[in-house]
């Protein structure tokens, strides 16, 4: 077992034996661990290697996952309310049915991730790469939504309201969509998401904030 993995195993043993309290795992390698259903609220996992780790149903309320590598991790049904995921890697991760209310996602690589039925209410998505991600049935509400997406990003059944802009990535091209243009883009694809103007008012058909 590599030293980093040994440290992670020891941290898990101490955490389990303590019967409570936040897990301290900043910078540790947790690959191969099964943390499904665990109470990881307020855990310190900054820069941790959680590649492929089972975290289904885990409670990660206010957990600090800044810069953590969650590539291919299973976070299905996990609670990530107010979690810090800034600069984390979620590429290929499964977050189906996860609760990301008020979570912070800045500079996140979520390419190919599955967010089916995920709740993003009030979450901050800034400079997030969701190319190839699946947001089927996901819910947004007044979300900063400065994301990069492409033709393979699935938005079927996505509902709610967002602030733009978004960047549509094509073959050798990038197009920024905001305001009325973004609203039309959603409508043309049958996506029931309302684009909000600064201040939170929805845009009208003329592209101006409704009264």
N, C-alpha and C. Protein backbone atom coordinates (compact mmCIF):
# COMPACT_ATOMS: atom_id res chain seq x y z
N UNK A 1 0.85 -1.19 0.00
CA UNK A 1 0.00 0.00 0.00
C UNK A 1 0.89 1.25 0.00
N UNK A 2 0.59 2.19 -0.88
CA UNK A 2 1.37 3.42 -0.97
C UNK A 2 1.19 4.24 0.31
N UNK A 3 2.21 5.07 0.65
CA UNK A 3 2.12 5.87 1.87
C UNK A 3 0.87 6.72 1.95
N UNK A 4 0.47 7.35 0.83
CA UNK A 4 -0.72 8.20 0.83
C UNK A 4 -1.96 7.37 1.14
N UNK A 5 -2.03 6.16 0.57
CA UNK A 5 -3.17 5.29 0.82
C UNK A 5 -3.18 4.82 2.27
N UNK A 6 -1.99 4.58 2.83
CA UNK A 6 -1.89 4.18 4.24
C UNK A 6 -2.40 5.29 5.15
N UNK A 7 -2.05 6.53 4.82
CA UNK A 7 -2.50 7.67 5.61
C UNK A 7 -4.02 7.80 5.53
N UNK A 8 -4.57 7.57 4.33
CA UNK A 8 -6.02 7.65 4.16
C UNK A 8 -6.72 6.56 4.96
N UNK A 9 -6.16 5.34 4.92
CA UNK A 9 -6.75 4.23 5.67
C UNK A 9 -6.73 4.53 7.17
N UNK A 10 -5.62 5.11 7.63
CA UNK A 10 -5.50 5.45 9.04
C UNK A 10 -6.51 6.55 9.42
N UNK A 11 -6.67 7.53 8.52
CA UNK A 11 -7.63 8.61 8.78
C UNK A 11 -9.05 8.05 8.86
N UNK A 12 -9.36 7.07 7.99
CA UNK A 12 -10.69 6.46 8.01
C UNK A 12 -10.90 5.65 9.29
N UNK A 13 -9.87 4.95 9.72
CA UNK A 13 -9.98 4.16 10.96
C UNK A 13 -10.22 5.07 12.16
N UNK A 14 -9.47 6.18 12.21
CA UNK A 14 -9.63 7.11 13.32
C UNK A 14 -11.00 7.76 13.30
N UNK A 15 -11.45 8.10 12.09
CA UNK A 15 -12.76 8.72 11.94
C UNK A 15 -13.86 7.76 12.37
N UNK A 16 -13.75 6.48 11.95
CA UNK A 16 -14.75 5.48 12.31
C UNK A 16 -14.75 5.25 13.83
N UNK A 17 -13.56 5.16 14.41
CA UNK A 17 -13.45 4.90 15.84
C UNK A 17 -13.97 6.06 16.68
N UNK A 18 -13.85 7.29 16.14
CA UNK A 18 -14.28 8.46 16.90
C UNK A 18 -15.79 8.52 17.06
N UNK A 19 -16.50 7.84 16.15
CA UNK A 19 -17.96 7.83 16.22
C UNK A 19 -18.60 9.16 15.90
N UNK A 20 -17.87 10.05 15.35
CA UNK A 20 -18.43 11.35 14.98
C UNK A 20 -17.34 12.35 14.73
N UNK A 21 -17.72 13.53 14.26
CA UNK A 21 -16.75 14.55 13.94
C UNK A 21 -16.34 14.49 12.49
N UNK A 22 -15.90 15.61 11.96
CA UNK A 22 -15.53 15.67 10.55
C UNK A 22 -14.31 14.80 10.23
N UNK A 23 -14.31 14.23 9.03
CA UNK A 23 -13.18 13.46 8.56
C UNK A 23 -12.11 14.41 8.06
N UNK A 24 -10.88 14.22 8.52
CA UNK A 24 -9.77 15.01 8.03
C UNK A 24 -9.00 14.23 6.99
N UNK A 25 -9.16 14.61 5.73
CA UNK A 25 -8.52 13.85 4.66
C UNK A 25 -7.93 14.71 3.58
N UNK A 26 -7.53 15.92 3.90
CA UNK A 26 -6.95 16.81 2.90
C UNK A 26 -5.73 16.18 2.24
N UNK A 27 -5.76 16.11 0.91
CA UNK A 27 -4.61 15.64 0.14
C UNK A 27 -4.37 14.15 0.18
N UNK A 28 -5.28 13.39 0.78
CA UNK A 28 -5.05 11.95 0.91
C UNK A 28 -5.63 11.18 -0.28
N UNK A 29 -5.14 9.94 -0.44
CA UNK A 29 -5.54 9.08 -1.55
C UNK A 29 -6.54 8.03 -1.03
N UNK A 30 -7.82 8.21 -1.39
CA UNK A 30 -8.87 7.31 -0.91
C UNK A 30 -9.31 6.30 -1.96
N UNK A 31 -8.56 6.14 -3.02
CA UNK A 31 -8.96 5.21 -4.07
C UNK A 31 -9.18 3.82 -3.50
N UNK A 32 -10.30 3.21 -3.91
CA UNK A 32 -10.63 1.86 -3.45
C UNK A 32 -11.51 1.86 -2.21
N UNK A 33 -11.72 3.02 -1.60
CA UNK A 33 -12.55 3.09 -0.40
C UNK A 33 -14.02 3.06 -0.76
N UNK A 34 -14.84 2.52 0.15
CA UNK A 34 -16.29 2.54 0.00
C UNK A 34 -16.84 3.40 1.13
N UNK A 35 -17.24 4.61 0.79
CA UNK A 35 -17.77 5.55 1.77
C UNK A 35 -19.26 5.77 1.57
N UNK A 36 -19.91 4.82 0.93
CA UNK A 36 -21.35 4.93 0.65
C UNK A 36 -22.13 5.12 1.94
N UNK A 37 -23.01 6.11 1.94
CA UNK A 37 -23.88 6.34 3.09
C UNK A 37 -23.18 6.92 4.30
N UNK A 38 -21.91 7.26 4.18
CA UNK A 38 -21.16 7.77 5.33
C UNK A 38 -21.51 9.19 5.68
N UNK A 39 -21.39 9.54 6.95
CA UNK A 39 -21.61 10.91 7.40
C UNK A 39 -20.28 11.66 7.27
N UNK A 40 -20.13 12.34 6.15
CA UNK A 40 -18.91 13.08 5.85
C UNK A 40 -19.17 14.58 5.90
N UNK A 41 -20.17 14.97 6.67
CA UNK A 41 -20.51 16.38 6.77
C UNK A 41 -19.32 17.16 7.32
N UNK A 42 -19.04 18.29 6.66
CA UNK A 42 -17.95 19.19 7.02
C UNK A 42 -16.57 18.52 6.93
N UNK A 43 -16.49 17.44 6.17
CA UNK A 43 -15.20 16.77 6.00
C UNK A 43 -14.21 17.67 5.26
N UNK A 44 -12.94 17.55 5.63
CA UNK A 44 -11.88 18.26 4.92
C UNK A 44 -11.25 17.33 3.91
N UNK A 45 -11.58 17.54 2.63
CA UNK A 45 -11.09 16.65 1.57
C UNK A 45 -10.45 17.47 0.45
N UNK A 46 -9.83 18.57 0.83
CA UNK A 46 -9.19 19.44 -0.15
C UNK A 46 -8.07 18.68 -0.87
N UNK A 47 -8.13 18.66 -2.19
CA UNK A 47 -7.10 18.01 -2.98
C UNK A 47 -7.02 16.51 -2.83
N UNK A 48 -8.03 15.90 -2.23
CA UNK A 48 -8.02 14.45 -2.01
C UNK A 48 -8.22 13.71 -3.33
N UNK A 49 -7.65 12.51 -3.41
CA UNK A 49 -7.85 11.65 -4.58
C UNK A 49 -9.00 10.70 -4.27
N UNK A 50 -10.16 10.98 -4.86
CA UNK A 50 -11.36 10.18 -4.65
C UNK A 50 -11.79 9.53 -5.96
N UNK A 51 -10.82 9.29 -6.84
CA UNK A 51 -11.11 8.71 -8.14
C UNK A 51 -11.82 7.36 -7.98
N UNK A 52 -13.01 7.25 -8.56
CA UNK A 52 -13.75 6.00 -8.55
C UNK A 52 -14.30 5.59 -7.20
N UNK A 53 -14.21 6.46 -6.20
CA UNK A 53 -14.65 6.10 -4.85
C UNK A 53 -16.18 6.04 -4.77
N UNK A 54 -16.69 5.06 -4.01
CA UNK A 54 -18.14 4.91 -3.80
C UNK A 54 -18.58 5.85 -2.70
N UNK A 55 -19.39 6.85 -3.08
CA UNK A 55 -19.90 7.84 -2.14
C UNK A 55 -21.42 7.96 -2.25
N UNK A 56 -22.05 6.92 -2.81
CA UNK A 56 -23.50 6.96 -3.01
C UNK A 56 -24.21 7.16 -1.67
N UNK A 57 -25.11 8.13 -1.65
CA UNK A 57 -25.90 8.37 -0.45
C UNK A 57 -25.13 8.99 0.70
N UNK A 58 -23.88 9.38 0.48
CA UNK A 58 -23.07 9.97 1.55
C UNK A 58 -23.57 11.37 1.89
N UNK A 59 -23.38 11.77 3.15
CA UNK A 59 -23.73 13.11 3.60
C UNK A 59 -22.47 13.96 3.58
N UNK A 60 -22.37 14.84 2.58
CA UNK A 60 -21.21 15.71 2.42
C UNK A 60 -21.59 17.16 2.64
N UNK A 61 -22.54 17.38 3.53
CA UNK A 61 -22.99 18.74 3.84
C UNK A 61 -21.80 19.60 4.28
N UNK A 62 -21.64 20.72 3.61
CA UNK A 62 -20.56 21.68 3.89
C UNK A 62 -19.16 21.06 3.81
N UNK A 63 -19.03 19.93 3.14
CA UNK A 63 -17.70 19.34 2.97
C UNK A 63 -16.84 20.22 2.08
N UNK A 64 -15.55 20.26 2.35
CA UNK A 64 -14.63 21.05 1.55
C UNK A 64 -13.88 20.11 0.61
N UNK A 65 -14.31 20.11 -0.66
CA UNK A 65 -13.75 19.24 -1.68
C UNK A 65 -12.99 20.04 -2.74
N UNK A 66 -12.51 21.20 -2.35
CA UNK A 66 -11.81 22.05 -3.31
C UNK A 66 -10.61 21.31 -3.90
N UNK A 67 -10.57 21.27 -5.23
CA UNK A 67 -9.45 20.64 -5.92
C UNK A 67 -9.40 19.13 -5.82
N UNK A 68 -10.45 18.51 -5.27
CA UNK A 68 -10.47 17.05 -5.14
C UNK A 68 -10.68 16.40 -6.50
N UNK A 69 -10.11 15.21 -6.69
CA UNK A 69 -10.29 14.46 -7.93
C UNK A 69 -11.35 13.39 -7.69
N UNK A 70 -12.53 13.62 -8.26
CA UNK A 70 -13.66 12.71 -8.12
C UNK A 70 -13.99 12.05 -9.46
N UNK A 71 -12.99 11.91 -10.30
CA UNK A 71 -13.20 11.28 -11.60
C UNK A 71 -13.84 9.90 -11.43
N UNK A 72 -14.98 9.70 -12.09
CA UNK A 72 -15.64 8.40 -12.05
C UNK A 72 -16.22 8.01 -10.71
N UNK A 73 -16.26 8.91 -9.75
CA UNK A 73 -16.81 8.58 -8.42
C UNK A 73 -18.32 8.43 -8.50
N UNK A 74 -18.87 7.62 -7.59
CA UNK A 74 -20.33 7.43 -7.52
C UNK A 74 -20.86 8.25 -6.36
N UNK A 75 -21.52 9.37 -6.70
CA UNK A 75 -22.12 10.27 -5.72
C UNK A 75 -23.63 10.27 -5.86
N UNK A 76 -24.17 9.21 -6.39
CA UNK A 76 -25.62 9.12 -6.60
C UNK A 76 -26.36 9.30 -5.28
N UNK A 77 -27.32 10.23 -5.26
CA UNK A 77 -28.13 10.44 -4.07
C UNK A 77 -27.39 11.09 -2.91
N UNK A 78 -26.18 11.56 -3.14
CA UNK A 78 -25.40 12.16 -2.06
C UNK A 78 -25.91 13.55 -1.72
N UNK A 79 -25.72 13.95 -0.47
CA UNK A 79 -26.03 15.30 -0.03
C UNK A 79 -24.77 16.14 -0.13
N UNK A 80 -24.79 17.12 -1.03
CA UNK A 80 -23.67 18.04 -1.21
C UNK A 80 -24.13 19.47 -0.96
N UNK A 81 -25.11 19.63 -0.09
CA UNK A 81 -25.64 20.95 0.23
C UNK A 81 -24.52 21.82 0.81
N UNK A 82 -24.33 22.99 0.20
CA UNK A 82 -23.33 23.97 0.63
C UNK A 82 -21.89 23.42 0.59
N UNK A 83 -21.68 22.36 -0.16
CA UNK A 83 -20.33 21.81 -0.30
C UNK A 83 -19.49 22.72 -1.19
N UNK A 84 -18.19 22.74 -0.95
CA UNK A 84 -17.27 23.49 -1.77
C UNK A 84 -16.59 22.54 -2.75
N UNK A 85 -16.93 22.68 -4.02
CA UNK A 85 -16.37 21.82 -5.07
C UNK A 85 -15.52 22.63 -6.05
N UNK A 86 -15.10 23.81 -5.64
CA UNK A 86 -14.31 24.66 -6.53
C UNK A 86 -13.05 23.93 -7.02
N UNK A 87 -12.82 24.02 -8.35
CA UNK A 87 -11.65 23.43 -8.99
C UNK A 87 -11.59 21.90 -8.87
N UNK A 88 -12.69 21.27 -8.48
CA UNK A 88 -12.72 19.81 -8.39
C UNK A 88 -12.87 19.19 -9.78
N UNK A 89 -12.53 17.91 -9.88
CA UNK A 89 -12.72 17.16 -11.12
C UNK A 89 -13.84 16.16 -10.92
N UNK A 90 -14.90 16.30 -11.72
CA UNK A 90 -16.05 15.41 -11.66
C UNK A 90 -16.24 14.68 -12.98
N UNK A 91 -15.21 14.63 -13.79
CA UNK A 91 -15.31 14.00 -15.10
C UNK A 91 -15.77 12.55 -14.97
N UNK A 92 -16.86 12.21 -15.68
CA UNK A 92 -17.37 10.85 -15.66
C UNK A 92 -17.98 10.42 -14.34
N UNK A 93 -18.14 11.34 -13.41
CA UNK A 93 -18.71 10.99 -12.11
C UNK A 93 -20.23 10.84 -12.22
N UNK A 94 -20.80 10.09 -11.29
CA UNK A 94 -22.25 9.88 -11.25
C UNK A 94 -22.82 10.64 -10.07
N UNK A 95 -23.69 11.62 -10.35
CA UNK A 95 -24.32 12.41 -9.31
C UNK A 95 -25.84 12.37 -9.45
N UNK A 96 -26.36 11.28 -9.98
CA UNK A 96 -27.80 11.17 -10.20
C UNK A 96 -28.55 11.31 -8.88
N UNK A 97 -29.52 12.23 -8.87
CA UNK A 97 -30.34 12.41 -7.67
C UNK A 97 -29.62 13.08 -6.52
N UNK A 98 -28.42 13.60 -6.75
CA UNK A 98 -27.67 14.26 -5.68
C UNK A 98 -28.27 15.63 -5.39
N UNK A 99 -28.05 16.11 -4.18
CA UNK A 99 -28.55 17.41 -3.73
C UNK A 99 -27.37 18.38 -3.64
N UNK A 100 -27.31 19.31 -4.59
CA UNK A 100 -26.24 20.31 -4.62
C UNK A 100 -26.76 21.71 -4.31
N UNK A 101 -27.81 21.80 -3.50
CA UNK A 101 -28.38 23.09 -3.15
C UNK A 101 -27.31 23.96 -2.49
N UNK A 102 -27.15 25.17 -3.02
CA UNK A 102 -26.22 26.17 -2.49
C UNK A 102 -24.75 25.72 -2.55
N UNK A 103 -24.45 24.69 -3.33
CA UNK A 103 -23.06 24.26 -3.47
C UNK A 103 -22.29 25.24 -4.35
N UNK A 104 -20.98 25.26 -4.18
CA UNK A 104 -20.12 26.13 -4.98
C UNK A 104 -19.31 25.30 -5.96
N UNK A 105 -19.51 25.55 -7.25
CA UNK A 105 -18.77 24.84 -8.28
C UNK A 105 -18.11 25.88 -9.18
N UNK A 106 -16.87 26.18 -8.93
CA UNK A 106 -16.13 27.13 -9.76
C UNK A 106 -14.96 26.39 -10.40
N UNK A 107 -14.86 26.53 -11.72
CA UNK A 107 -13.75 25.91 -12.43
C UNK A 107 -13.76 24.40 -12.39
N UNK A 108 -14.96 23.82 -12.35
CA UNK A 108 -15.09 22.36 -12.24
C UNK A 108 -15.08 21.70 -13.61
N UNK A 109 -14.34 20.60 -13.72
CA UNK A 109 -14.35 19.78 -14.93
C UNK A 109 -15.37 18.67 -14.72
N UNK A 110 -16.55 18.82 -15.32
CA UNK A 110 -17.61 17.84 -15.18
C UNK A 110 -17.95 17.20 -16.52
N UNK A 111 -16.96 17.10 -17.40
CA UNK A 111 -17.21 16.51 -18.71
C UNK A 111 -17.65 15.05 -18.57
N UNK A 112 -18.75 14.71 -19.23
CA UNK A 112 -19.23 13.34 -19.22
C UNK A 112 -19.85 12.90 -17.91
N UNK A 113 -20.05 13.82 -16.99
CA UNK A 113 -20.67 13.46 -15.71
C UNK A 113 -22.18 13.26 -15.88
N UNK A 114 -22.77 12.49 -14.96
CA UNK A 114 -24.21 12.24 -15.00
C UNK A 114 -24.88 12.98 -13.84
N UNK A 115 -25.74 13.94 -14.20
CA UNK A 115 -26.47 14.74 -13.22
C UNK A 115 -27.97 14.51 -13.37
N UNK A 116 -28.38 13.31 -13.65
CA UNK A 116 -29.79 13.03 -13.87
C UNK A 116 -30.57 13.26 -12.56
N UNK A 117 -31.57 14.13 -12.63
CA UNK A 117 -32.45 14.48 -11.50
C UNK A 117 -31.70 15.17 -10.36
N UNK A 118 -30.54 15.68 -10.63
CA UNK A 118 -29.77 16.40 -9.61
C UNK A 118 -30.40 17.75 -9.33
N UNK A 119 -30.39 18.17 -8.07
CA UNK A 119 -30.93 19.47 -7.68
C UNK A 119 -29.79 20.46 -7.47
N UNK A 120 -29.79 21.51 -8.30
CA UNK A 120 -28.77 22.55 -8.24
C UNK A 120 -29.31 23.85 -7.66
N UNK A 121 -30.42 23.82 -6.96
CA UNK A 121 -31.10 25.03 -6.53
C UNK A 121 -30.16 25.97 -5.79
N UNK A 122 -29.97 27.16 -6.36
CA UNK A 122 -29.12 28.16 -5.74
C UNK A 122 -27.64 27.86 -5.80
N UNK A 123 -27.25 26.78 -6.46
CA UNK A 123 -25.81 26.46 -6.57
C UNK A 123 -25.14 27.43 -7.54
N UNK A 124 -23.87 27.65 -7.34
CA UNK A 124 -23.12 28.56 -8.18
C UNK A 124 -22.25 27.76 -9.15
N UNK A 125 -22.61 27.80 -10.44
CA UNK A 125 -21.85 27.09 -11.47
C UNK A 125 -21.15 28.14 -12.32
N UNK A 126 -19.86 28.33 -12.08
CA UNK A 126 -19.08 29.34 -12.78
C UNK A 126 -17.86 28.69 -13.42
N UNK A 127 -17.71 28.88 -14.73
CA UNK A 127 -16.61 28.28 -15.48
C UNK A 127 -16.60 26.77 -15.32
N UNK A 128 -17.79 26.17 -15.41
CA UNK A 128 -17.94 24.72 -15.28
C UNK A 128 -18.04 24.09 -16.67
N UNK A 129 -17.28 23.05 -16.91
CA UNK A 129 -17.28 22.38 -18.20
C UNK A 129 -18.22 21.17 -18.13
N UNK A 130 -19.38 21.26 -18.80
CA UNK A 130 -20.35 20.16 -18.80
C UNK A 130 -20.51 19.56 -20.19
N UNK A 131 -19.47 19.65 -20.99
CA UNK A 131 -19.53 19.01 -22.31
C UNK A 131 -19.71 17.50 -22.13
N UNK A 132 -20.70 16.97 -22.83
CA UNK A 132 -20.97 15.54 -22.75
C UNK A 132 -21.66 15.09 -21.49
N UNK A 133 -22.01 16.02 -20.61
CA UNK A 133 -22.69 15.65 -19.36
C UNK A 133 -24.18 15.41 -19.61
N UNK A 134 -24.81 14.69 -18.70
CA UNK A 134 -26.23 14.37 -18.81
C UNK A 134 -26.98 15.04 -17.67
N UNK A 135 -27.80 16.06 -17.99
CA UNK A 135 -28.59 16.79 -17.01
C UNK A 135 -30.07 16.46 -17.13
N UNK A 136 -30.39 15.26 -17.57
CA UNK A 136 -31.78 14.86 -17.73
C UNK A 136 -32.55 15.01 -16.42
N UNK A 137 -33.63 15.79 -16.46
CA UNK A 137 -34.49 15.93 -15.28
C UNK A 137 -33.89 16.72 -14.14
N UNK A 138 -32.73 17.35 -14.36
CA UNK A 138 -32.12 18.14 -13.30
C UNK A 138 -32.92 19.42 -13.06
N UNK A 139 -32.75 20.00 -11.87
CA UNK A 139 -33.51 21.20 -11.50
C UNK A 139 -32.54 22.30 -11.10
N UNK A 140 -32.73 23.48 -11.70
CA UNK A 140 -31.94 24.65 -11.37
C UNK A 140 -32.89 25.74 -10.89
N UNK A 141 -32.39 26.65 -10.06
CA UNK A 141 -33.23 27.78 -9.63
C UNK A 141 -32.33 28.94 -9.28
N UNK A 142 -32.44 30.00 -10.11
CA UNK A 142 -31.65 31.21 -9.90
C UNK A 142 -30.16 30.90 -9.78
N UNK A 143 -29.71 30.03 -10.66
CA UNK A 143 -28.31 29.59 -10.63
C UNK A 143 -27.43 30.47 -11.51
N UNK A 144 -26.33 30.98 -10.97
CA UNK A 144 -25.28 31.42 -11.87
C UNK A 144 -24.88 30.20 -12.72
N UNK A 145 -24.91 30.34 -14.03
CA UNK A 145 -24.80 29.17 -14.91
C UNK A 145 -23.84 29.48 -16.05
N UNK A 146 -22.61 29.86 -15.68
CA UNK A 146 -21.60 30.17 -16.68
C UNK A 146 -20.86 28.89 -17.00
N UNK A 147 -21.43 28.14 -17.97
CA UNK A 147 -20.92 26.80 -18.26
C UNK A 147 -20.48 26.69 -19.71
N UNK A 148 -19.69 25.66 -19.98
CA UNK A 148 -19.32 25.29 -21.34
C UNK A 148 -20.04 23.99 -21.66
N UNK A 149 -20.76 23.98 -22.76
CA UNK A 149 -21.48 22.78 -23.18
C UNK A 149 -21.33 22.59 -24.67
N UNK A 150 -21.75 21.42 -25.13
CA UNK A 150 -21.65 21.15 -26.57
C UNK A 150 -22.86 20.33 -27.00
N UNK A 151 -22.84 19.88 -28.24
CA UNK A 151 -23.96 19.14 -28.78
C UNK A 151 -24.23 17.82 -28.10
N UNK A 152 -23.26 17.31 -27.34
CA UNK A 152 -23.47 16.04 -26.66
C UNK A 152 -23.95 16.21 -25.22
N UNK A 153 -24.09 17.47 -24.77
CA UNK A 153 -24.63 17.73 -23.44
C UNK A 153 -26.14 17.49 -23.48
N UNK A 154 -26.64 16.64 -22.60
CA UNK A 154 -28.06 16.29 -22.58
C UNK A 154 -28.80 17.20 -21.60
N UNK A 155 -29.80 17.95 -22.11
CA UNK A 155 -30.57 18.88 -21.29
C UNK A 155 -32.04 18.50 -21.23
N UNK A 156 -32.37 17.30 -21.66
CA UNK A 156 -33.76 16.84 -21.68
C UNK A 156 -34.38 16.91 -20.29
N UNK A 157 -35.50 17.65 -20.17
CA UNK A 157 -36.20 17.70 -18.90
C UNK A 157 -35.58 18.62 -17.87
N UNK A 158 -34.51 19.34 -18.24
CA UNK A 158 -33.93 20.33 -17.34
C UNK A 158 -34.94 21.44 -17.13
N UNK A 159 -35.19 21.83 -15.89
CA UNK A 159 -36.18 22.87 -15.60
C UNK A 159 -35.63 23.86 -14.58
N UNK A 160 -36.22 25.07 -14.59
CA UNK A 160 -35.87 26.06 -13.58
C UNK A 160 -35.49 27.39 -14.18
N UNK A 161 -34.51 28.07 -13.57
CA UNK A 161 -34.11 29.40 -14.01
C UNK A 161 -32.62 29.59 -13.77
N UNK A 162 -31.98 30.32 -14.69
CA UNK A 162 -30.53 30.53 -14.60
C UNK A 162 -30.17 31.93 -15.06
N UNK A 163 -29.01 32.38 -14.61
CA UNK A 163 -28.34 33.53 -15.18
C UNK A 163 -27.30 32.99 -16.16
N UNK A 164 -27.15 33.63 -17.30
CA UNK A 164 -26.12 33.21 -18.23
C UNK A 164 -24.82 33.95 -17.94
N UNK A 165 -23.92 33.98 -18.91
CA UNK A 165 -24.06 33.35 -20.22
C UNK A 165 -23.54 31.92 -20.21
N UNK A 166 -23.84 31.19 -21.29
CA UNK A 166 -23.24 29.88 -21.48
C UNK A 166 -22.39 29.95 -22.75
N UNK A 167 -21.41 29.07 -22.83
CA UNK A 167 -20.56 29.01 -24.01
C UNK A 167 -20.83 27.70 -24.73
N UNK A 168 -21.31 27.80 -25.97
CA UNK A 168 -21.59 26.63 -26.79
C UNK A 168 -20.35 26.32 -27.60
N UNK A 169 -19.79 25.14 -27.37
CA UNK A 169 -18.55 24.74 -28.03
C UNK A 169 -18.87 23.83 -29.22
N UNK A 170 -18.42 24.24 -30.38
CA UNK A 170 -18.59 23.42 -31.57
C UNK A 170 -17.24 22.96 -32.07
N UNK A 171 -17.22 22.43 -33.27
CA UNK A 171 -15.96 21.97 -33.85
C UNK A 171 -15.14 23.17 -34.29
N UNK A 172 -14.18 23.54 -33.45
CA UNK A 172 -13.33 24.68 -33.76
C UNK A 172 -13.97 26.03 -33.52
N UNK A 173 -15.14 26.05 -32.88
CA UNK A 173 -15.84 27.31 -32.63
C UNK A 173 -16.34 27.37 -31.18
N UNK A 174 -16.50 28.59 -30.70
CA UNK A 174 -17.11 28.82 -29.41
C UNK A 174 -18.03 30.02 -29.52
N UNK A 175 -19.28 29.84 -29.07
CA UNK A 175 -20.27 30.91 -29.18
C UNK A 175 -20.86 31.18 -27.81
N UNK A 176 -20.80 32.43 -27.37
CA UNK A 176 -21.38 32.79 -26.08
C UNK A 176 -22.84 33.18 -26.28
N UNK A 177 -23.71 32.59 -25.48
CA UNK A 177 -25.14 32.87 -25.54
C UNK A 177 -25.59 33.47 -24.22
N UNK A 178 -26.32 34.58 -24.31
CA UNK A 178 -26.79 35.25 -23.10
C UNK A 178 -28.13 35.91 -23.38
N UNK A 179 -28.84 36.28 -22.33
CA UNK A 179 -30.08 37.03 -22.47
C UNK A 179 -31.10 36.36 -23.36
N UNK A 180 -31.71 37.17 -24.23
CA UNK A 180 -32.77 36.68 -25.10
C UNK A 180 -32.27 35.59 -26.04
N UNK A 181 -31.02 35.71 -26.47
CA UNK A 181 -30.46 34.70 -27.39
C UNK A 181 -30.37 33.34 -26.70
N UNK A 182 -29.96 33.35 -25.44
CA UNK A 182 -29.89 32.10 -24.68
C UNK A 182 -31.29 31.56 -24.44
N UNK A 183 -32.25 32.46 -24.15
CA UNK A 183 -33.62 32.01 -23.93
C UNK A 183 -34.18 31.33 -25.17
N UNK A 184 -33.93 31.91 -26.35
CA UNK A 184 -34.41 31.31 -27.60
C UNK A 184 -33.74 29.96 -27.82
N UNK A 185 -32.46 29.87 -27.48
CA UNK A 185 -31.72 28.62 -27.67
C UNK A 185 -32.34 27.52 -26.83
N UNK A 186 -32.71 27.84 -25.58
CA UNK A 186 -33.39 26.86 -24.72
C UNK A 186 -34.74 26.48 -25.32
N UNK A 187 -35.51 27.46 -25.72
CA UNK A 187 -36.86 27.22 -26.26
C UNK A 187 -36.78 26.33 -27.50
N UNK A 188 -35.85 26.62 -28.38
CA UNK A 188 -35.71 25.85 -29.62
C UNK A 188 -35.41 24.38 -29.34
N UNK A 189 -34.86 24.10 -28.19
CA UNK A 189 -34.52 22.71 -27.83
C UNK A 189 -35.50 22.10 -26.84
N UNK A 190 -36.59 22.80 -26.60
CA UNK A 190 -37.61 22.27 -25.70
C UNK A 190 -37.20 22.24 -24.25
N UNK A 191 -36.20 23.06 -23.90
CA UNK A 191 -35.70 23.10 -22.52
C UNK A 191 -36.48 24.15 -21.74
N UNK A 192 -37.13 23.75 -20.67
CA UNK A 192 -38.00 24.65 -19.91
C UNK A 192 -37.22 25.35 -18.80
N UNK A 193 -36.28 26.17 -19.24
CA UNK A 193 -35.46 26.95 -18.32
C UNK A 193 -35.63 28.43 -18.66
N UNK A 194 -35.89 29.23 -17.65
CA UNK A 194 -36.05 30.67 -17.83
C UNK A 194 -34.72 31.37 -17.58
N UNK A 195 -34.35 32.23 -18.51
CA UNK A 195 -33.13 33.02 -18.34
C UNK A 195 -33.48 34.28 -17.57
N UNK A 196 -32.70 34.58 -16.56
CA UNK A 196 -32.96 35.72 -15.69
C UNK A 196 -32.06 36.90 -16.04
N UNK A 197 -32.63 38.09 -15.92
CA UNK A 197 -31.85 39.31 -16.09
C UNK A 197 -31.16 39.64 -14.77
N UNK A 198 -30.15 40.49 -14.79
CA UNK A 198 -29.56 40.93 -13.53
C UNK A 198 -30.65 41.46 -12.60
N UNK A 199 -30.62 41.04 -11.35
CA UNK A 199 -31.68 41.42 -10.43
C UNK A 199 -32.68 40.30 -10.23
N UNK A 200 -32.62 39.29 -11.11
CA UNK A 200 -33.44 38.10 -10.91
C UNK A 200 -34.77 38.09 -11.63
N UNK A 201 -35.07 39.14 -12.42
CA UNK A 201 -36.35 39.13 -13.14
C UNK A 201 -36.23 38.31 -14.42
N UNK A 202 -37.26 37.54 -14.74
CA UNK A 202 -37.22 36.75 -15.99
C UNK A 202 -37.29 37.65 -17.21
N UNK A 203 -36.67 37.20 -18.29
CA UNK A 203 -36.72 37.95 -19.53
C UNK A 203 -38.03 37.72 -20.24
N UNK A 204 -38.58 38.77 -20.82
CA UNK A 204 -39.80 38.66 -21.61
C UNK A 204 -39.47 38.24 -23.03
N UNK A 205 -40.51 38.12 -23.83
CA UNK A 205 -40.34 37.69 -25.23
C UNK A 205 -39.47 38.64 -26.03
N UNK A 206 -39.44 39.93 -25.60
CA UNK A 206 -38.64 40.93 -26.31
C UNK A 206 -37.20 40.98 -25.83
N UNK A 207 -36.88 40.08 -24.88
CA UNK A 207 -35.52 40.05 -24.37
C UNK A 207 -35.26 41.04 -23.25
N UNK A 208 -36.31 41.79 -22.87
CA UNK A 208 -36.19 42.74 -21.77
C UNK A 208 -36.76 42.12 -20.50
N UNK A 209 -36.26 42.56 -19.32
CA UNK A 209 -36.80 42.02 -18.06
C UNK A 209 -38.30 42.31 -17.95
N UNK A 210 -39.05 41.29 -17.52
CA UNK A 210 -40.48 41.49 -17.37
C UNK A 210 -40.76 42.35 -16.15
N UNK A 211 -41.88 43.03 -16.17
CA UNK A 211 -42.22 43.92 -15.05
C UNK A 211 -42.88 43.14 -13.94
